[in-house]
Amino acid sequence: MSLRLIAILTVLLSTIITQQPCQNLSRYHYRCIEPKISNITQQPIPCEGNGSSYVWCEVVPGIDCDGIFPNQTFRKEILNACDPKSHLHHSTALLLSIFLGFLGADRFYLGYYALGTLKLLSLGGLLVFYLVDIILIALKLLGPADGTAYLAPYYGPNTYPLRLDNDTMFAVYVFAYL
């Protein structure tokens, strides 16, 4: 009788100990509510200082995980969902590059004042730097000088770099419409 009780307790304790956190569930085991998006910044609300945001997710019936509330929901952290320091719009930088890029307005807007002055004095580097900057800004390879990300629409057309690995040094850009 006591061996059977020990076996039952062992099974119960192993399931409690090995129960995985809800954050680690497969994406097929839960459904999340879309985050609220700020009309001003086009980023999820709230945007934490480390660039993460939180959404509420509902677990599929029959799935049990650590951190679940009685109503079968949990709060999921989405890492790198936003950039709290973003302040420059990608569309503005691209329009400045197309229409006033030969005068260096795009570089001034992004915070590259020395290169903006060089483009201004050389009429866009004899239009070579002008064309190169249009491509770099359109693909988001040239961002703000302070290292922050662009403010871009949360929903709608966007480009995302798909990095492979450090050995290939190859990046593919995908045009996505959400």
C-alpha atoms as a PDB file:
ATOM      1  CA  MET A   1       0.000   0.000   0.000  1.00  0.00           C
ATOM      2  CA  SER A   2       2.758   2.459   0.864  1.00  0.00           C
ATOM      3  CA  LEU A   3       4.685   1.679  -2.344  1.00  0.00           C
ATOM      4  CA  ARG A   4       1.592   2.485  -4.392  1.00  0.00           C
ATOM      5  CA  LEU A   5       1.145   5.802  -2.548  1.00  0.00           C
ATOM      6  CA  ILE A   6       4.807   6.677  -3.169  1.00  0.00           C
ATOM      7  CA  ALA A   7       4.410   5.882  -6.874  1.00  0.00           C
ATOM      8  CA  ILE A   8       1.314   8.111  -7.135  1.00  0.00           C
ATOM      9  CA  LEU A   9       3.041  10.963  -5.307  1.00  0.00           C
ATOM     10  CA  THR A  10       6.100  10.599  -7.545  1.00  0.00           C
ATOM     11  CA  VAL A  11       3.966  10.866 -10.688  1.00  0.00           C
ATOM     12  CA  LEU A  12       2.077  13.887  -9.320  1.00  0.00           C
ATOM     13  CA  LEU A  13       5.258  15.678  -8.274  1.00  0.00           C
ATOM     14  CA  SER A  14       6.976  14.985 -11.605  1.00  0.00           C
ATOM     15  CA  THR A  15       4.047  16.489 -13.519  1.00  0.00           C
ATOM     16  CA  ILE A  16       4.040  19.551 -11.281  1.00  0.00           C
ATOM     17  CA  ILE A  17       7.806  20.009 -11.517  1.00  0.00           C
ATOM     18  CA  THR A  18       8.047  19.405 -15.267  1.00  0.00           C
ATOM     19  CA  GLN A  19       5.050  21.602 -16.126  1.00  0.00           C
ATOM     20  CA  GLN A  20       6.359  24.146 -18.607  1.00  0.00           C
ATOM     21  CA  PRO A  21       5.675  27.875 -18.399  1.00  0.00           C
ATOM     22  CA  CYS A  22       2.887  29.186 -20.635  1.00  0.00           C
ATOM     23  CA  GLN A  23       5.467  31.391 -22.431  1.00  0.00           C
ATOM     24  CA  ASN A  24       7.126  28.220 -23.791  1.00  0.00           C
ATOM     25  CA  LEU A  25       3.998  26.646 -25.269  1.00  0.00           C
ATOM     26  CA  SER A  26       3.864  25.967 -28.995  1.00  0.00           C
ATOM     27  CA  ARG A  27       2.000  28.685 -30.896  1.00  0.00           C
ATOM     28  CA  TYR A  28      -0.654  26.104 -31.783  1.00  0.00           C
ATOM     29  CA  HIS A  29      -1.605  25.723 -28.107  1.00  0.00           C
ATOM     30  CA  TYR A  30      -2.869  29.261 -27.528  1.00  0.00           C
ATOM     31  CA  ARG A  31      -4.531  32.198 -29.263  1.00  0.00           C
ATOM     32  CA  CYS A  32      -3.594  35.781 -28.445  1.00  0.00           C
ATOM     33  CA  ILE A  33      -5.611  38.964 -28.650  1.00  0.00           C
ATOM     34  CA  GLU A  34      -4.173  41.618 -30.987  1.00  0.00           C
ATOM     35  CA  PRO A  35      -2.357  44.349 -29.034  1.00  0.00           C
ATOM     36  CA  LYS A  36      -3.689  47.889 -28.936  1.00  0.00           C
ATOM     37  CA  ILE A  37      -1.753  50.087 -31.367  1.00  0.00           C
ATOM     38  CA  SER A  38      -1.000  53.742 -30.671  1.00  0.00           C
ATOM     39  CA  ASN A  39      -2.225  56.079 -33.419  1.00  0.00           C
ATOM     40  CA  ILE A  40       0.746  58.386 -32.816  1.00  0.00           C
ATOM     41  CA  THR A  41       3.681  55.977 -32.600  1.00  0.00           C
ATOM     42  CA  GLN A  42       2.178  52.993 -34.502  1.00  0.00           C
ATOM     43  CA  GLN A  43       3.573  50.708 -31.797  1.00  0.00           C
ATOM     44  CA  PRO A  44       1.897  48.323 -29.336  1.00  0.00           C
ATOM     45  CA  ILE A  45       0.577  49.753 -26.068  1.00  0.00           C
ATOM     46  CA  PRO A  46       2.209  49.371 -23.576  1.00  0.00           C
ATOM     47  CA  CYS A  47       5.736  49.518 -24.933  1.00  0.00           C
ATOM     48  CA  GLU A  48       8.134  48.676 -22.104  1.00  0.00           C
ATOM     49  CA  GLY A  49      11.572  50.253 -21.751  1.00  0.00           C
ATOM     50  CA  ASN A  50      13.319  47.088 -22.995  1.00  0.00           C
ATOM     51  CA  GLY A  51      11.256  47.020 -26.215  1.00  0.00           C
ATOM     52  CA  SER A  52       8.831  44.323 -25.145  1.00  0.00           C
ATOM     53  CA  SER A  53       5.050  44.382 -25.043  1.00  0.00           C
ATOM     54  CA  TYR A  54       2.454  42.149 -23.399  1.00  0.00           C
ATOM     55  CA  VAL A  55      -0.664  40.519 -24.825  1.00  0.00           C
ATOM     56  CA  TRP A  56      -3.321  38.290 -23.273  1.00  0.00           C
ATOM     57  CA  CYS A  57      -3.520  34.763 -24.665  1.00  0.00           C
ATOM     58  CA  GLU A  58      -6.109  32.015 -24.227  1.00  0.00           C
ATOM     59  CA  VAL A  59      -4.922  28.423 -23.909  1.00  0.00           C
ATOM     60  CA  VAL A  60      -6.560  25.606 -25.869  1.00  0.00           C
ATOM     61  CA  PRO A  61      -8.792  23.473 -23.615  1.00  0.00           C
ATOM     62  CA  GLY A  62      -6.929  20.511 -22.157  1.00  0.00           C
ATOM     63  CA  ILE A  63      -3.528  22.251 -22.082  1.00  0.00           C
ATOM     64  CA  ASP A  64      -2.098  23.018 -18.665  1.00  0.00           C
ATOM     65  CA  CYS A  65       0.924  25.226 -18.084  1.00  0.00           C
ATOM     66  CA  ASP A  66       2.646  27.194 -15.359  1.00  0.00           C
ATOM     67  CA  GLY A  67       1.306  30.742 -14.998  1.00  0.00           C
ATOM     68  CA  ILE A  68      -2.208  30.150 -16.279  1.00  0.00           C
ATOM     69  CA  PHE A  69      -5.150  31.971 -14.697  1.00  0.00           C
ATOM     70  CA  PRO A  70      -8.410  30.201 -13.791  1.00  0.00           C
ATOM     71  CA  ASN A  71     -10.109  31.548 -16.942  1.00  0.00           C
ATOM     72  CA  GLN A  72      -7.513  29.687 -19.107  1.00  0.00           C
ATOM     73  CA  THR A  73      -5.578  32.873 -20.019  1.00  0.00           C
ATOM     74  CA  PHE A  74      -2.014  34.026 -19.468  1.00  0.00           C
ATOM     75  CA  ARG A  75      -0.010  37.167 -20.154  1.00  0.00           C
ATOM     76  CA  LYS A  76       2.585  36.628 -22.903  1.00  0.00           C
ATOM     77  CA  GLU A  77       5.634  38.834 -23.302  1.00  0.00           C
ATOM     78  CA  ILE A  78       6.463  39.712 -26.911  1.00  0.00           C
ATOM     79  CA  LEU A  79      10.158  40.570 -27.118  1.00  0.00           C
ATOM     80  CA  ASN A  80      11.349  43.296 -29.521  1.00  0.00           C
ATOM     81  CA  ALA A  81       7.759  44.272 -30.299  1.00  0.00           C
ATOM     82  CA  CYS A  82       8.473  47.983 -30.229  1.00  0.00           C
ATOM     83  CA  ASP A  83      11.156  50.625 -29.842  1.00  0.00           C
ATOM     84  CA  PRO A  84      10.257  53.146 -27.126  1.00  0.00           C
ATOM     85  CA  LYS A  85      12.852  55.640 -28.394  1.00  0.00           C
ATOM     86  CA  SER A  86      11.699  55.755 -32.033  1.00  0.00           C
ATOM     87  CA  HIS A  87      10.902  59.243 -33.232  1.00  0.00           C
ATOM     88  CA  LEU A  88      11.589  59.428 -36.999  1.00  0.00           C
ATOM     89  CA  HIS A  89       9.138  58.248 -39.648  1.00  0.00           C
ATOM     90  CA  HIS A  90      10.369  55.985 -42.435  1.00  0.00           C
ATOM     91  CA  SER A  91       7.954  57.498 -44.951  1.00  0.00           C
ATOM     92  CA  THR A  92       9.238  61.022 -44.210  1.00  0.00           C
ATOM     93  CA  ALA A  93      12.855  59.944 -44.646  1.00  0.00           C
ATOM     94  CA  LEU A  94      12.044  58.212 -47.931  1.00  0.00           C
ATOM     95  CA  LEU A  95      10.102  61.187 -49.314  1.00  0.00           C
ATOM     96  CA  LEU A  96      12.888  63.578 -48.313  1.00  0.00           C
ATOM     97  CA  SER A  97      15.400  61.289 -49.989  1.00  0.00           C
ATOM     98  CA  ILE A  98      13.428  61.134 -53.239  1.00  0.00           C
ATOM     99  CA  PHE A  99      12.528  64.813 -53.564  1.00  0.00           C
ATOM    100  CA  LEU A 100      15.294  66.662 -51.669  1.00  0.00           C
ATOM    101  CA  GLY A 101      17.985  64.000 -51.361  1.00  0.00           C
ATOM    102  CA  PHE A 102      20.307  65.733 -53.806  1.00  0.00           C
ATOM    103  CA  LEU A 103      20.434  68.611 -51.281  1.00  0.00           C
ATOM    104  CA  GLY A 104      21.135  66.262 -48.342  1.00  0.00           C
ATOM    105  CA  ALA A 105      17.782  66.827 -46.615  1.00  0.00           C
ATOM    106  CA  ASP A 106      17.409  63.108 -45.922  1.00  0.00           C
ATOM    107  CA  ARG A 107      20.778  62.921 -44.158  1.00  0.00           C
ATOM    108  CA  PHE A 108      20.002  66.032 -42.106  1.00  0.00           C
ATOM    109  CA  TYR A 109      16.647  64.523 -41.085  1.00  0.00           C
ATOM    110  CA  LEU A 110      18.300  61.261 -40.010  1.00  0.00           C
ATOM    111  CA  GLY A 111      21.000  63.053 -38.016  1.00  0.00           C
ATOM    112  CA  TYR A 112      23.997  62.594 -40.328  1.00  0.00           C
ATOM    113  CA  TYR A 113      24.884  66.301 -40.509  1.00  0.00           C
ATOM    114  CA  ALA A 114      28.384  65.978 -41.987  1.00  0.00           C
ATOM    115  CA  LEU A 115      27.196  63.740 -44.826  1.00  0.00           C
ATOM    116  CA  GLY A 116      24.188  66.012 -45.338  1.00  0.00           C
ATOM    117  CA  THR A 117      26.520  68.972 -45.782  1.00  0.00           C
ATOM    118  CA  LEU A 118      28.682  66.960 -48.205  1.00  0.00           C
ATOM    119  CA  LYS A 119      25.630  66.035 -50.267  1.00  0.00           C
ATOM    120  CA  LEU A 120      24.450  69.653 -50.212  1.00  0.00           C
ATOM    121  CA  LEU A 121      27.771  71.002 -51.485  1.00  0.00           C
ATOM    122  CA  SER A 122      28.189  68.304 -54.160  1.00  0.00           C
ATOM    123  CA  LEU A 123      24.539  68.077 -55.305  1.00  0.00           C
ATOM    124  CA  GLY A 124      24.120  64.592 -53.944  1.00  0.00           C
ATOM    125  CA  GLY A 125      27.632  63.450 -54.807  1.00  0.00           C
ATOM    126  CA  LEU A 126      26.928  64.135 -58.474  1.00  0.00           C
ATOM    127  CA  LEU A 127      23.645  62.248 -58.006  1.00  0.00           C
ATOM    128  CA  VAL A 128      25.453  59.002 -57.112  1.00  0.00           C
ATOM    129  CA  PHE A 129      24.961  59.313 -53.332  1.00  0.00           C
ATOM    130  CA  TYR A 130      21.454  60.582 -54.035  1.00  0.00           C
ATOM    131  CA  LEU A 131      20.468  57.344 -55.785  1.00  0.00           C
ATOM    132  CA  VAL A 132      22.325  55.146 -53.288  1.00  0.00           C
ATOM    133  CA  ASP A 133      20.569  56.817 -50.348  1.00  0.00           C
ATOM    134  CA  ILE A 134      17.137  56.281 -51.903  1.00  0.00           C
ATOM    135  CA  ILE A 135      17.846  52.551 -52.104  1.00  0.00           C
ATOM    136  CA  LEU A 136      19.377  52.383 -48.614  1.00  0.00           C
ATOM    137  CA  ILE A 137      16.470  54.221 -46.997  1.00  0.00           C
ATOM    138  CA  ALA A 138      13.825  52.285 -48.942  1.00  0.00           C
ATOM    139  CA  LEU A 139      15.290  48.984 -47.711  1.00  0.00           C
ATOM    140  CA  LYS A 140      15.788  50.389 -44.187  1.00  0.00           C
ATOM    141  CA  LEU A 141      19.521  49.733 -44.360  1.00  0.00           C
ATOM    142  CA  LEU A 142      20.122  53.380 -43.471  1.00  0.00           C
ATOM    143  CA  GLY A 143      18.386  54.328 -40.244  1.00  0.00           C
ATOM    144  CA  PRO A 144      18.503  57.202 -37.778  1.00  0.00           C
ATOM    145  CA  ALA A 145      21.965  58.174 -36.555  1.00  0.00           C
ATOM    146  CA  ASP A 146      21.022  57.641 -32.909  1.00  0.00           C
ATOM    147  CA  GLY A 147      20.496  53.910 -33.544  1.00  0.00           C
ATOM    148  CA  THR A 148      16.750  53.819 -32.981  1.00  0.00           C
ATOM    149  CA  ALA A 149      14.353  52.141 -35.367  1.00  0.00           C
ATOM    150  CA  TYR A 150      12.019  53.992 -37.700  1.00  0.00           C
ATOM    151  CA  LEU A 151       8.429  54.664 -36.783  1.00  0.00           C
ATOM    152  CA  ALA A 152       6.593  52.592 -39.381  1.00  0.00           C
ATOM    153  CA  PRO A 153       2.922  51.642 -39.683  1.00  0.00           C
ATOM    154  CA  TYR A 154       2.131  48.578 -37.580  1.00  0.00           C
ATOM    155  CA  TYR A 155      -0.319  47.307 -40.180  1.00  0.00           C
ATOM    156  CA  GLY A 156       0.407  47.695 -43.866  1.00  0.00           C
ATOM    157  CA  PRO A 157       3.384  47.312 -46.182  1.00  0.00           C
ATOM    158  CA  ASN A 158       6.762  46.960 -44.533  1.00  0.00           C
ATOM    159  CA  THR A 159      10.194  45.440 -45.121  1.00  0.00           C
ATOM    160  CA  TYR A 160      11.770  42.941 -42.738  1.00  0.00           C
ATOM    161  CA  PRO A 161      15.354  41.688 -42.982  1.00  0.00           C
ATOM    162  CA  LEU A 162      15.676  37.907 -42.925  1.00  0.00           C
ATOM    163  CA  ARG A 163      19.174  37.287 -41.614  1.00  0.00           C
ATOM    164  CA  LEU A 164      20.567  33.839 -42.243  1.00  0.00           C
ATOM    165  CA  ASP A 165      23.731  33.492 -40.134  1.00  0.00           C
ATOM    166  CA  ASN A 166      27.072  35.150 -39.476  1.00  0.00           C
ATOM    167  CA  ASP A 167      28.984  32.824 -41.799  1.00  0.00           C
ATOM    168  CA  THR A 168      27.011  33.675 -44.939  1.00  0.00           C
ATOM    169  CA  MET A 169      26.882  37.463 -44.413  1.00  0.00           C
ATOM    170  CA  PHE A 170      23.732  37.435 -46.517  1.00  0.00           C
ATOM    171  CA  ALA A 171      20.453  39.240 -45.878  1.00  0.00           C
ATOM    172  CA  VAL A 172      17.231  38.884 -47.826  1.00  0.00           C
ATOM    173  CA  TYR A 173      14.578  41.585 -47.619  1.00  0.00           C
ATOM    174  CA  VAL A 174      10.939  40.631 -47.785  1.00  0.00           C
ATOM    175  CA  PHE A 175       8.106  42.963 -48.663  1.00  0.00           C
ATOM    176  CA  ALA A 176       5.223  42.087 -46.353  1.00  0.00           C
ATOM    177  CA  TYR A 177       1.708  43.399 -46.128  1.00  0.00           C
ATOM    178  CA  LEU A 178       0.045  42.633 -42.795  1.00  0.00           C
END
